[in-house]
Amino acid sequence: MTTRITLATFAEAIRDLPTDTLYAEEDRLENSIRHLRRSNDEMAAFADDDAELAAAIDENTAVIADQGARIDALHAELRRRHGEHVIASRAAPASAQPAPPADDAADGVHL
């Protein structure tokens, strides 16, 4: 079993990291949370009949909460460095961007 650092230790450790590294860690944590949620959704259909799956869902839920708290700590550090606007001004990830129209030729060129 691995020993996790406390949230306070994490917050202290990120104070000296470059801003780009903070954003990369935020992206990594958000990706992990997406995968854990997907995993929980897939296991939920079978968890009623399987105590191990139910325990795995509970463990994933705890990890999701821990990672969410770390994202909050990253945001707090970014606000400390750059002000409140830094979080709101960050561009949405590509997966959140709307898809381009399916038939570009019919509507002309989209830049």
PDB file of N, CA and C in Angstrom:
ATOM      1  N   MET A   1       0.847  -1.182   0.000  1.00  0.00           N
ATOM      2  CA  MET A   1       0.000   0.000   0.000  1.00  0.00           C
ATOM      3  C   MET A   1       0.890   1.243   0.000  1.00  0.00           C
ATOM      4  N   THR A   2       0.519   2.219  -0.803  1.00  0.00           N
ATOM      5  CA  THR A   2       1.303   3.448  -0.866  1.00  0.00           C
ATOM      6  C   THR A   2       0.816   4.431   0.188  1.00  0.00           C
ATOM      7  N   THR A   3       1.728   5.246   0.648  1.00  0.00           N
ATOM      8  CA  THR A   3       1.383   6.278   1.615  1.00  0.00           C
ATOM      9  C   THR A   3       1.145   7.579   0.862  1.00  0.00           C
ATOM     10  N   ARG A   4      -0.025   8.147   1.026  1.00  0.00           N
ATOM     11  CA  ARG A   4      -0.369   9.396   0.339  1.00  0.00           C
ATOM     12  C   ARG A   4       0.044  10.565   1.220  1.00  0.00           C
ATOM     13  N   ILE A   5       0.502  11.621   0.557  1.00  0.00           N
ATOM     14  CA  ILE A   5       0.833  12.808   1.324  1.00  0.00           C
ATOM     15  C   ILE A   5      -0.454  13.533   1.691  1.00  0.00           C
ATOM     16  N   THR A   6      -0.411  14.270   2.772  1.00  0.00           N
ATOM     17  CA  THR A   6      -1.594  15.005   3.211  1.00  0.00           C
ATOM     18  C   THR A   6      -1.847  16.172   2.256  1.00  0.00           C
ATOM     19  N   LEU A   7      -3.051  16.694   2.314  1.00  0.00           N
ATOM     20  CA  LEU A   7      -3.398  17.842   1.481  1.00  0.00           C
ATOM     21  C   LEU A   7      -2.531  19.050   1.840  1.00  0.00           C
ATOM     22  N   ALA A   8      -2.249  19.227   3.125  1.00  0.00           N
ATOM     23  CA  ALA A   8      -1.394  20.349   3.551  1.00  0.00           C
ATOM     24  C   ALA A   8       0.015  20.207   2.979  1.00  0.00           C
ATOM     25  N   THR A   9       0.548  18.996   2.974  1.00  0.00           N
ATOM     26  CA  THR A   9       1.867  18.755   2.404  1.00  0.00           C
ATOM     27  C   THR A   9       1.849  18.987   0.900  1.00  0.00           C
ATOM     28  N   PHE A  10       0.785  18.545   0.237  1.00  0.00           N
ATOM     29  CA  PHE A  10       0.626  18.774  -1.199  1.00  0.00           C
ATOM     30  C   PHE A  10       0.613  20.268  -1.498  1.00  0.00           C
ATOM     31  N   ALA A  11      -0.193  21.030  -0.722  1.00  0.00           N
ATOM     32  CA  ALA A  11      -0.287  22.479  -0.932  1.00  0.00           C
ATOM     33  C   ALA A  11       1.067  23.152  -0.744  1.00  0.00           C
ATOM     34  N   GLU A  12       1.829  22.691   0.215  1.00  0.00           N
ATOM     35  CA  GLU A  12       3.162  23.253   0.440  1.00  0.00           C
ATOM     36  C   GLU A  12       4.103  22.893  -0.708  1.00  0.00           C
ATOM     37  N   ALA A  13       4.012  21.663  -1.179  1.00  0.00           N
ATOM     38  CA  ALA A  13       4.910  21.194  -2.237  1.00  0.00           C
ATOM     39  C   ALA A  13       4.697  21.931  -3.554  1.00  0.00           C
ATOM     40  N   ILE A  14       3.465  22.308  -3.857  1.00  0.00           N
ATOM     41  CA  ILE A  14       3.193  22.944  -5.150  1.00  0.00           C
ATOM     42  C   ILE A  14       3.558  24.423  -5.177  1.00  0.00           C
ATOM     43  N   ARG A  15       3.853  24.994  -4.025  1.00  0.00           N
ATOM     44  CA  ARG A  15       4.194  26.429  -3.976  1.00  0.00           C
ATOM     45  C   ARG A  15       5.414  26.772  -4.821  1.00  0.00           C
ATOM     46  N   ASP A  16       6.340  25.840  -4.970  1.00  0.00           N
ATOM     47  CA  ASP A  16       7.576  26.111  -5.702  1.00  0.00           C
ATOM     48  C   ASP A  16       7.554  25.606  -7.144  1.00  0.00           C
ATOM     49  N   LEU A  17       6.462  25.005  -7.556  1.00  0.00           N
ATOM     50  CA  LEU A  17       6.404  24.469  -8.914  1.00  0.00           C
ATOM     51  C   LEU A  17       6.043  25.559  -9.919  1.00  0.00           C
ATOM     52  N   PRO A  18       6.533  25.446 -11.155  1.00  0.00           N
ATOM     53  CA  PRO A  18       6.161  26.413 -12.188  1.00  0.00           C
ATOM     54  C   PRO A  18       4.655  26.326 -12.497  1.00  0.00           C
ATOM     55  N   THR A  19       4.107  27.426 -12.941  1.00  0.00           N
ATOM     56  CA  THR A  19       2.677  27.490 -13.258  1.00  0.00           C
ATOM     57  C   THR A  19       2.280  26.428 -14.280  1.00  0.00           C
ATOM     58  N   ASP A  20       3.091  26.213 -15.305  1.00  0.00           N
ATOM     59  CA  ASP A  20       2.771  25.190 -16.306  1.00  0.00           C
ATOM     60  C   ASP A  20       2.656  23.808 -15.674  1.00  0.00           C
ATOM     61  N   THR A  21       3.471  23.542 -14.685  1.00  0.00           N
ATOM     62  CA  THR A  21       3.418  22.260 -13.989  1.00  0.00           C
ATOM     63  C   THR A  21       2.123  22.133 -13.194  1.00  0.00           C
ATOM     64  N   LEU A  22       1.665  23.232 -12.614  1.00  0.00           N
ATOM     65  CA  LEU A  22       0.390  23.206 -11.883  1.00  0.00           C
ATOM     66  C   LEU A  22      -0.755  22.875 -12.833  1.00  0.00           C
ATOM     67  N   TYR A  23      -0.751  23.499 -14.007  1.00  0.00           N
ATOM     68  CA  TYR A  23      -1.797  23.202 -14.988  1.00  0.00           C
ATOM     69  C   TYR A  23      -1.715  21.753 -15.473  1.00  0.00           C
ATOM     70  N   ALA A  24      -0.511  21.255 -15.666  1.00  0.00           N
ATOM     71  CA  ALA A  24      -0.351  19.862 -16.093  1.00  0.00           C
ATOM     72  C   ALA A  24      -0.875  18.906 -15.018  1.00  0.00           C
ATOM     73  N   GLU A  25      -0.600  19.218 -13.760  1.00  0.00           N
ATOM     74  CA  GLU A  25      -1.099  18.382 -12.667  1.00  0.00           C
ATOM     75  C   GLU A  25      -2.621  18.453 -12.579  1.00  0.00           C
ATOM     76  N   GLU A  26      -3.183  19.628 -12.783  1.00  0.00           N
ATOM     77  CA  GLU A  26      -4.640  19.765 -12.803  1.00  0.00           C
ATOM     78  C   GLU A  26      -5.227  18.882 -13.909  1.00  0.00           C
ATOM     79  N   ASP A  27      -4.638  18.939 -15.103  1.00  0.00           N
ATOM     80  CA  ASP A  27      -5.119  18.109 -16.216  1.00  0.00           C
ATOM     81  C   ASP A  27      -5.011  16.623 -15.885  1.00  0.00           C
ATOM     82  N   ARG A  28      -3.910  16.225 -15.272  1.00  0.00           N
ATOM     83  CA  ARG A  28      -3.710  14.822 -14.909  1.00  0.00           C
ATOM     84  C   ARG A  28      -4.773  14.367 -13.909  1.00  0.00           C
ATOM     85  N   LEU A  29      -5.020  15.200 -12.899  1.00  0.00           N
ATOM     86  CA  LEU A  29      -6.016  14.854 -11.886  1.00  0.00           C
ATOM     87  C   LEU A  29      -7.421  14.803 -12.483  1.00  0.00           C
ATOM     88  N   GLU A  30      -7.757  15.759 -13.348  1.00  0.00           N
ATOM     89  CA  GLU A  30      -9.083  15.756 -13.974  1.00  0.00           C
ATOM     90  C   GLU A  30      -9.268  14.516 -14.848  1.00  0.00           C
ATOM     91  N   ASN A  31      -8.222  14.121 -15.563  1.00  0.00           N
ATOM     92  CA  ASN A  31      -8.289  12.914 -16.378  1.00  0.00           C
ATOM     93  C   ASN A  31      -8.489  11.683 -15.495  1.00  0.00           C
ATOM     94  N   SER A  32      -7.769  11.622 -14.399  1.00  0.00           N
ATOM     95  CA  SER A  32      -7.908  10.508 -13.469  1.00  0.00           C
ATOM     96  C   SER A  32      -9.330  10.435 -12.917  1.00  0.00           C
ATOM     97  N   ILE A  33      -9.880  11.576 -12.538  1.00  0.00           N
ATOM     98  CA  ILE A  33     -11.244  11.618 -12.015  1.00  0.00           C
ATOM     99  C   ILE A  33     -12.235  11.127 -13.064  1.00  0.00           C
ATOM    100  N   ARG A  34     -12.073  11.546 -14.318  1.00  0.00           N
ATOM    101  CA  ARG A  34     -12.962  11.080 -15.396  1.00  0.00           C
ATOM    102  C   ARG A  34     -12.918   9.557 -15.502  1.00  0.00           C
ATOM    103  N   HIS A  35     -11.716   8.985 -15.461  1.00  0.00           N
ATOM    104  CA  HIS A  35     -11.584   7.532 -15.579  1.00  0.00           C
ATOM    105  C   HIS A  35     -12.162   6.813 -14.368  1.00  0.00           C
ATOM    106  N   LEU A  36     -11.938   7.358 -13.183  1.00  0.00           N
ATOM    107  CA  LEU A  36     -12.498   6.736 -11.983  1.00  0.00           C
ATOM    108  C   LEU A  36     -14.028   6.780 -12.002  1.00  0.00           C
ATOM    109  N   ARG A  37     -14.596   7.890 -12.434  1.00  0.00           N
ATOM    110  CA  ARG A  37     -16.068   7.982 -12.518  1.00  0.00           C
ATOM    111  C   ARG A  37     -16.612   6.994 -13.540  1.00  0.00           C
ATOM    112  N   ARG A  38     -15.942   6.900 -14.689  1.00  0.00           N
ATOM    113  CA  ARG A  38     -16.380   5.949 -15.710  1.00  0.00           C
ATOM    114  C   ARG A  38     -16.304   4.526 -15.164  1.00  0.00           C
ATOM    115  N   SER A  39     -15.216   4.222 -14.478  1.00  0.00           N
ATOM    116  CA  SER A  39     -15.053   2.901 -13.880  1.00  0.00           C
ATOM    117  C   SER A  39     -16.165   2.619 -12.871  1.00  0.00           C
ATOM    118  N   ASN A  40     -16.455   3.603 -12.028  1.00  0.00           N
ATOM    119  CA  ASN A  40     -17.544   3.431 -11.050  1.00  0.00           C
ATOM    120  C   ASN A  40     -18.872   3.185 -11.748  1.00  0.00           C
ATOM    121  N   ASP A  41     -19.137   3.941 -12.814  1.00  0.00           N
ATOM    122  CA  ASP A  41     -20.394   3.753 -13.549  1.00  0.00           C
ATOM    123  C   ASP A  41     -20.493   2.346 -14.120  1.00  0.00           C
ATOM    124  N   GLU A  42     -19.372   1.836 -14.655  1.00  0.00           N
ATOM    125  CA  GLU A  42     -19.379   0.496 -15.230  1.00  0.00           C
ATOM    126  C   GLU A  42     -19.549  -0.576 -14.156  1.00  0.00           C
ATOM    127  N   MET A  43     -18.938  -0.382 -12.998  1.00  0.00           N
ATOM    128  CA  MET A  43     -19.024  -1.377 -11.929  1.00  0.00           C
ATOM    129  C   MET A  43     -20.363  -1.341 -11.206  1.00  0.00           C
ATOM    130  N   ALA A  44     -21.035  -0.199 -11.220  1.00  0.00           N
ATOM    131  CA  ALA A  44     -22.268  -0.026 -10.450  1.00  0.00           C
ATOM    132  C   ALA A  44     -23.336  -1.052 -10.824  1.00  0.00           C
ATOM    133  N   ALA A  45     -23.392  -1.431 -12.080  1.00  0.00           N
ATOM    134  CA  ALA A  45     -24.411  -2.384 -12.524  1.00  0.00           C
ATOM    135  C   ALA A  45     -24.252  -3.750 -11.854  1.00  0.00           C
ATOM    136  N   PHE A  46     -23.036  -4.065 -11.389  1.00  0.00           N
ATOM    137  CA  PHE A  46     -22.765  -5.382 -10.816  1.00  0.00           C
ATOM    138  C   PHE A  46     -22.467  -5.328  -9.321  1.00  0.00           C
ATOM    139  N   ALA A  47     -22.389  -4.145  -8.748  1.00  0.00           N
ATOM    140  CA  ALA A  47     -21.950  -3.987  -7.361  1.00  0.00           C
ATOM    141  C   ALA A  47     -22.918  -4.581  -6.351  1.00  0.00           C
ATOM    142  N   ASP A  48     -24.199  -4.635  -6.680  1.00  0.00           N
ATOM    143  CA  ASP A  48     -25.169  -5.200  -5.732  1.00  0.00           C
ATOM    144  C   ASP A  48     -24.886  -6.670  -5.440  1.00  0.00           C
ATOM    145  N   ASP A  49     -24.323  -7.363  -6.409  1.00  0.00           N
ATOM    146  CA  ASP A  49     -24.056  -8.795  -6.271  1.00  0.00           C
ATOM    147  C   ASP A  49     -22.604  -9.098  -5.910  1.00  0.00           C
ATOM    148  N   ASP A  50     -21.781  -8.076  -5.752  1.00  0.00           N
ATOM    149  CA  ASP A  50     -20.349  -8.314  -5.559  1.00  0.00           C
ATOM    150  C   ASP A  50     -19.780  -7.315  -4.548  1.00  0.00           C
ATOM    151  N   ALA A  51     -19.444  -7.810  -3.372  1.00  0.00           N
ATOM    152  CA  ALA A  51     -18.928  -6.949  -2.302  1.00  0.00           C
ATOM    153  C   ALA A  51     -17.595  -6.306  -2.680  1.00  0.00           C
ATOM    154  N   GLU A  52     -16.771  -7.029  -3.458  1.00  0.00           N
ATOM    155  CA  GLU A  52     -15.492  -6.466  -3.874  1.00  0.00           C
ATOM    156  C   GLU A  52     -15.687  -5.278  -4.809  1.00  0.00           C
ATOM    157  N   LEU A  53     -16.640  -5.383  -5.717  1.00  0.00           N
ATOM    158  CA  LEU A  53     -16.929  -4.251  -6.608  1.00  0.00           C
ATOM    159  C   LEU A  53     -17.466  -3.067  -5.815  1.00  0.00           C
ATOM    160  N   ALA A  54     -18.334  -3.335  -4.861  1.00  0.00           N
ATOM    161  CA  ALA A  54     -18.867  -2.255  -4.027  1.00  0.00           C
ATOM    162  C   ALA A  54     -17.740  -1.566  -3.263  1.00  0.00           C
ATOM    163  N   ALA A  55     -16.789  -2.363  -2.758  1.00  0.00           N
ATOM    164  CA  ALA A  55     -15.648  -1.785  -2.049  1.00  0.00           C
ATOM    165  C   ALA A  55     -14.765  -0.973  -2.996  1.00  0.00           C
ATOM    166  N   ALA A  56     -14.594  -1.449  -4.233  1.00  0.00           N
ATOM    167  CA  ALA A  56     -13.797  -0.719  -5.222  1.00  0.00           C
ATOM    168  C   ALA A  56     -14.456   0.613  -5.564  1.00  0.00           C
ATOM    169  N   ILE A  57     -15.763   0.619  -5.682  1.00  0.00           N
ATOM    170  CA  ILE A  57     -16.491   1.865  -5.953  1.00  0.00           C
ATOM    171  C   ILE A  57     -16.285   2.836  -4.794  1.00  0.00           C
ATOM    172  N   ASP A  58     -16.394   2.342  -3.577  1.00  0.00           N
ATOM    173  CA  ASP A  58     -16.177   3.198  -2.401  1.00  0.00           C
ATOM    174  C   ASP A  58     -14.754   3.763  -2.386  1.00  0.00           C
ATOM    175  N   GLU A  59     -13.779   2.912  -2.707  1.00  0.00           N
ATOM    176  CA  GLU A  59     -12.394   3.375  -2.738  1.00  0.00           C
ATOM    177  C   GLU A  59     -12.198   4.429  -3.830  1.00  0.00           C
ATOM    178  N   ASN A  60     -12.748   4.174  -5.015  1.00  0.00           N
ATOM    179  CA  ASN A  60     -12.650   5.156  -6.104  1.00  0.00           C
ATOM    180  C   ASN A  60     -13.299   6.480  -5.714  1.00  0.00           C
ATOM    181  N   THR A  61     -14.430   6.403  -5.029  1.00  0.00           N
ATOM    182  CA  THR A  61     -15.129   7.618  -4.608  1.00  0.00           C
ATOM    183  C   THR A  61     -14.266   8.429  -3.648  1.00  0.00           C
ATOM    184  N   ALA A  62     -13.557   7.748  -2.755  1.00  0.00           N
ATOM    185  CA  ALA A  62     -12.656   8.442  -1.829  1.00  0.00           C
ATOM    186  C   ALA A  62     -11.487   9.077  -2.582  1.00  0.00           C
ATOM    187  N   VAL A  63     -10.953   8.370  -3.567  1.00  0.00           N
ATOM    188  CA  VAL A  63      -9.849   8.915  -4.365  1.00  0.00           C
ATOM    189  C   VAL A  63     -10.326  10.122  -5.160  1.00  0.00           C
ATOM    190  N   ILE A  64     -11.517  10.059  -5.715  1.00  0.00           N
ATOM    191  CA  ILE A  64     -12.088  11.191  -6.458  1.00  0.00           C
ATOM    192  C   ILE A  64     -12.174  12.418  -5.547  1.00  0.00           C
ATOM    193  N   ALA A  65     -12.646  12.223  -4.327  1.00  0.00           N
ATOM    194  CA  ALA A  65     -12.749  13.348  -3.383  1.00  0.00           C
ATOM    195  C   ALA A  65     -11.363  13.911  -3.062  1.00  0.00           C
ATOM    196  N   ASP A  66     -10.388  13.023  -2.857  1.00  0.00           N
ATOM    197  CA  ASP A  66      -9.019  13.450  -2.562  1.00  0.00           C
ATOM    198  C   ASP A  66      -8.440  14.236  -3.741  1.00  0.00           C
ATOM    199  N   GLN A  67      -8.634  13.723  -4.940  1.00  0.00           N
ATOM    200  CA  GLN A  67      -8.106  14.410  -6.114  1.00  0.00           C
ATOM    201  C   GLN A  67      -8.819  15.734  -6.348  1.00  0.00           C
ATOM    202  N   GLY A  68     -10.099  15.781  -6.063  1.00  0.00           N
ATOM    203  CA  GLY A  68     -10.826  17.048  -6.171  1.00  0.00           C
ATOM    204  C   GLY A  68     -10.279  18.091  -5.204  1.00  0.00           C
ATOM    205  N   ALA A  69      -9.932  17.649  -4.000  1.00  0.00           N
ATOM    206  CA  ALA A  69      -9.337  18.571  -3.021  1.00  0.00           C
ATOM    207  C   ALA A  69      -7.975  19.062  -3.494  1.00  0.00           C
ATOM    208  N   ARG A  70      -7.232  18.209  -4.180  1.00  0.00           N
ATOM    209  CA  ARG A  70      -5.932  18.622  -4.720  1.00  0.00           C
ATOM    210  C   ARG A  70      -6.111  19.635  -5.854  1.00  0.00           C
ATOM    211  N   ILE A  71      -7.130  19.435  -6.672  1.00  0.00           N
ATOM    212  CA  ILE A  71      -7.431  20.428  -7.714  1.00  0.00           C
ATOM    213  C   ILE A  71      -7.775  21.759  -7.061  1.00  0.00           C
ATOM    214  N   ASP A  72      -8.557  21.726  -5.994  1.00  0.00           N
ATOM    215  CA  ASP A  72      -8.872  22.956  -5.264  1.00  0.00           C
ATOM    216  C   ASP A  72      -7.600  23.624  -4.744  1.00  0.00           C
ATOM    217  N   ALA A  73      -6.646  22.822  -4.247  1.00  0.00           N
ATOM    218  CA  ALA A  73      -5.379  23.377  -3.758  1.00  0.00           C
ATOM    219  C   ALA A  73      -4.582  23.994  -4.905  1.00  0.00           C
ATOM    220  N   LEU A  74      -4.598  23.347  -6.065  1.00  0.00           N
ATOM    221  CA  LEU A  74      -3.931  23.919  -7.238  1.00  0.00           C
ATOM    222  C   LEU A  74      -4.553  25.254  -7.613  1.00  0.00           C
ATOM    223  N   HIS A  75      -5.881  25.313  -7.615  1.00  0.00           N
ATOM    224  CA  HIS A  75      -6.573  26.566  -7.931  1.00  0.00           C
ATOM    225  C   HIS A  75      -6.228  27.656  -6.916  1.00  0.00           C
ATOM    226  N   ALA A  76      -6.166  27.283  -5.648  1.00  0.00           N
ATOM    227  CA  ALA A  76      -5.815  28.260  -4.603  1.00  0.00           C
ATOM    228  C   ALA A  76      -4.409  28.812  -4.845  1.00  0.00           C
ATOM    229  N   GLU A  77      -3.483  27.940  -5.213  1.00  0.00           N
ATOM    230  CA  GLU A  77      -2.113  28.384  -5.490  1.00  0.00           C
ATOM    231  C   GLU A  77      -2.067  29.279  -6.722  1.00  0.00           C
ATOM    232  N   LEU A  78      -2.805  28.926  -7.752  1.00  0.00           N
ATOM    233  CA  LEU A  78      -2.843  29.763  -8.953  1.00  0.00           C
ATOM    234  C   LEU A  78      -3.454  31.129  -8.651  1.00  0.00           C
ATOM    235  N   ARG A  79      -4.506  31.150  -7.825  1.00  0.00           N
ATOM    236  CA  ARG A  79      -5.108  32.442  -7.438  1.00  0.00           C
ATOM    237  C   ARG A  79      -4.138  33.259  -6.600  1.00  0.00           C
ATOM    238  N   ARG A  80      -3.374  32.594  -5.729  1.00  0.00           N
ATOM    239  CA  ARG A  80      -2.391  33.307  -4.917  1.00  0.00           C
ATOM    240  C   ARG A  80      -1.357  33.982  -5.812  1.00  0.00           C
ATOM    241  N   ARG A  81      -0.955  33.281  -6.846  1.00  0.00           N
ATOM    242  CA  ARG A  81       0.071  33.822  -7.743  1.00  0.00           C
ATOM    243  C   ARG A  81      -0.457  34.861  -8.710  1.00  0.00           C
ATOM    244  N   HIS A  82      -1.638  34.606  -9.262  1.00  0.00           N
ATOM    245  CA  HIS A  82      -2.089  35.380 -10.422  1.00  0.00           C
ATOM    246  C   HIS A  82      -3.425  36.091 -10.236  1.00  0.00           C
ATOM    247  N   GLY A  83      -4.075  35.925  -9.111  1.00  0.00           N
ATOM    248  CA  GLY A  83      -5.366  36.564  -8.885  1.00  0.00           C
ATOM    249  C   GLY A  83      -6.537  35.679  -9.261  1.00  0.00           C
ATOM    250  N   GLU A  84      -7.712  36.148  -8.929  1.00  0.00           N
ATOM    251  CA  GLU A  84      -8.940  35.367  -9.117  1.00  0.00           C
ATOM    252  C   GLU A  84      -9.225  35.034 -10.583  1.00  0.00           C
ATOM    253  N   HIS A  85      -8.844  35.906 -11.494  1.00  0.00           N
ATOM    254  CA  HIS A  85      -9.192  35.725 -12.898  1.00  0.00           C
ATOM    255  C   HIS A  85      -8.507  34.526 -13.554  1.00  0.00           C
ATOM    256  N   VAL A  86      -7.438  34.034 -12.983  1.00  0.00           N
ATOM    257  CA  VAL A  86      -6.640  33.007 -13.645  1.00  0.00           C
ATOM    258  C   VAL A  86      -7.416  31.714 -13.883  1.00  0.00           C
ATOM    259  N   ILE A  87      -8.264  31.315 -12.981  1.00  0.00           N
ATOM    260  CA  ILE A  87      -9.016  30.071 -13.134  1.00  0.00           C
ATOM    261  C   ILE A  87     -10.102  30.244 -14.192  1.00  0.00           C
ATOM    262  N   ALA A  88     -10.822  31.347 -14.131  1.00  0.00           N
ATOM    263  CA  ALA A  88     -11.913  31.581 -15.072  1.00  0.00           C
ATOM    264  C   ALA A  88     -11.410  31.806 -16.492  1.00  0.00           C
ATOM    265  N   SER A  89     -10.183  32.310 -16.630  1.00  0.00           N
ATOM    266  CA  SER A  89      -9.699  32.645 -17.965  1.00  0.00           C
ATOM    267  C   SER A  89      -9.034  31.476 -18.676  1.00  0.00           C
ATOM    268  N   ARG A  90      -8.814  30.388 -17.972  1.00  0.00           N
ATOM    269  CA  ARG A  90      -8.170  29.234 -18.615  1.00  0.00           C
ATOM    270  C   ARG A  90      -9.108  28.647 -19.652  1.00  0.00           C
ATOM    271  N   ALA A  91      -8.582  28.372 -20.823  1.00  0.00           N
ATOM    272  CA  ALA A  91      -9.392  27.836 -21.917  1.00  0.00           C
ATOM    273  C   ALA A  91      -9.950  26.471 -21.548  1.00  0.00           C
ATOM    274  N   ALA A  92     -11.146  26.195 -22.027  1.00  0.00           N
ATOM    275  CA  ALA A  92     -11.763  24.885 -21.801  1.00  0.00           C
ATOM    276  C   ALA A  92     -10.969  23.829 -22.557  1.00  0.00           C
ATOM    277  N   PRO A  93     -10.908  22.616 -22.018  1.00  0.00           N
ATOM    278  CA  PRO A  93     -10.191  21.556 -22.729  1.00  0.00           C
ATOM    279  C   PRO A  93     -10.840  21.271 -24.078  1.00  0.00           C
ATOM    280  N   ALA A  94     -10.074  20.726 -24.985  1.00  0.00           N
ATOM    281  CA  ALA A  94     -10.564  20.454 -26.335  1.00  0.00           C
ATOM    282  C   ALA A  94     -11.820  19.591 -26.311  1.00  0.00           C
ATOM    283  N   SER A  95     -11.914  18.672 -25.354  1.00  0.00           N
ATOM    284  CA  SER A  95     -13.080  17.794 -25.282  1.00  0.00           C
ATOM    285  C   SER A  95     -14.355  18.556 -24.946  1.00  0.00           C
ATOM    286  N   ALA A  96     -14.219  19.760 -24.381  1.00  0.00           N
ATOM    287  CA  ALA A  96     -15.395  20.552 -24.033  1.00  0.00           C
ATOM    288  C   ALA A  96     -15.769  21.530 -25.135  1.00  0.00           C
ATOM    289  N   GLN A  97     -14.930  21.641 -26.158  1.00  0.00           N
ATOM    290  CA  GLN A  97     -15.204  22.548 -27.252  1.00  0.00           C
ATOM    291  C   GLN A  97     -16.264  21.938 -28.158  1.00  0.00           C
ATOM    292  N   PRO A  98     -17.139  22.777 -28.732  1.00  0.00           N
ATOM    293  CA  PRO A  98     -18.143  22.229 -29.643  1.00  0.00           C
ATOM    294  C   PRO A  98     -17.475  21.665 -30.895  1.00  0.00           C
ATOM    295  N   ALA A  99     -18.065  20.633 -31.435  1.00  0.00           N
ATOM    296  CA  ALA A  99     -17.541  20.021 -32.654  1.00  0.00           C
ATOM    297  C   ALA A  99     -17.814  20.935 -33.841  1.00  0.00           C
ATOM    298  N   PRO A 100     -16.935  20.935 -34.835  1.00  0.00           N
ATOM    299  CA  PRO A 100     -17.183  21.747 -36.022  1.00  0.00           C
ATOM    300  C   PRO A 100     -18.360  21.182 -36.798  1.00  0.00           C
ATOM    301  N   PRO A 101     -18.974  21.991 -37.635  1.00  0.00           N
ATOM    302  CA  PRO A 101     -20.102  21.484 -38.439  1.00  0.00           C
ATOM    303  C   PRO A 101     -19.663  20.293 -39.286  1.00  0.00           C
ATOM    304  N   ALA A 102     -20.564  19.359 -39.498  1.00  0.00           N
ATOM    305  CA  ALA A 102     -20.225  18.128 -40.209  1.00  0.00           C
ATOM    306  C   ALA A 102     -19.948  18.380 -41.675  1.00  0.00           C
ATOM    307  N   ASP A 103     -20.627  19.345 -42.287  1.00  0.00           N
ATOM    308  CA  ASP A 103     -20.484  19.584 -43.713  1.00  0.00           C
ATOM    309  C   ASP A 103     -19.960  20.989 -43.953  1.00  0.00           C
ATOM    310  N   ASP A 104     -18.625  21.159 -43.850  1.00  0.00           N
ATOM    311  CA  ASP A 104     -18.016  22.465 -44.039  1.00  0.00           C
ATOM    312  C   ASP A 104     -18.197  22.981 -45.459  1.00  0.00           C
ATOM    313  N   ALA A 105     -18.199  22.092 -46.433  1.00  0.00           N
ATOM    314  CA  ALA A 105     -18.252  22.535 -47.821  1.00  0.00           C
ATOM    315  C   ALA A 105     -19.557  23.253 -48.108  1.00  0.00           C
ATOM    316  N   ALA A 106     -20.661  22.838 -47.517  1.00  0.00           N
ATOM    317  CA  ALA A 106     -21.954  23.457 -47.785  1.00  0.00           C
ATOM    318  C   ALA A 106     -22.040  24.863 -47.226  1.00  0.00           C
ATOM    319  N   ASP A 107     -21.309  25.131 -46.174  1.00  0.00           N
ATOM    320  CA  ASP A 107     -21.375  26.446 -45.520  1.00  0.00           C
ATOM    321  C   ASP A 107     -20.191  27.341 -45.832  1.00  0.00           C
ATOM    322  N   GLY A 108     -19.298  26.906 -46.692  1.00  0.00           N
ATOM    323  CA  GLY A 108     -18.102  27.700 -46.971  1.00  0.00           C
ATOM    324  C   GLY A 108     -16.974  27.273 -46.063  1.00  0.00           C
ATOM    325  N   VAL A 109     -15.918  28.054 -46.063  1.00  0.00           N
ATOM    326  CA  VAL A 109     -14.738  27.738 -45.280  1.00  0.00           C
ATOM    327  C   VAL A 109     -14.888  28.334 -43.896  1.00  0.00           C
ATOM    328  N   HIS A 110     -14.630  27.519 -42.861  1.00  0.00           N
ATOM    329  CA  HIS A 110     -14.690  27.991 -41.473  1.00  0.00           C
ATOM    330  C   HIS A 110     -13.283  28.107 -40.945  1.00  0.00           C
ATOM    331  N   LEU A 111     -12.932  29.279 -40.490  1.00  0.00           N
ATOM    332  CA  LEU A 111     -11.601  29.490 -39.927  1.00  0.00           C
ATOM    333  C   LEU A 111     -11.686  29.656 -38.444  1.00  0.00           C
TER     334      LEU A 111
END
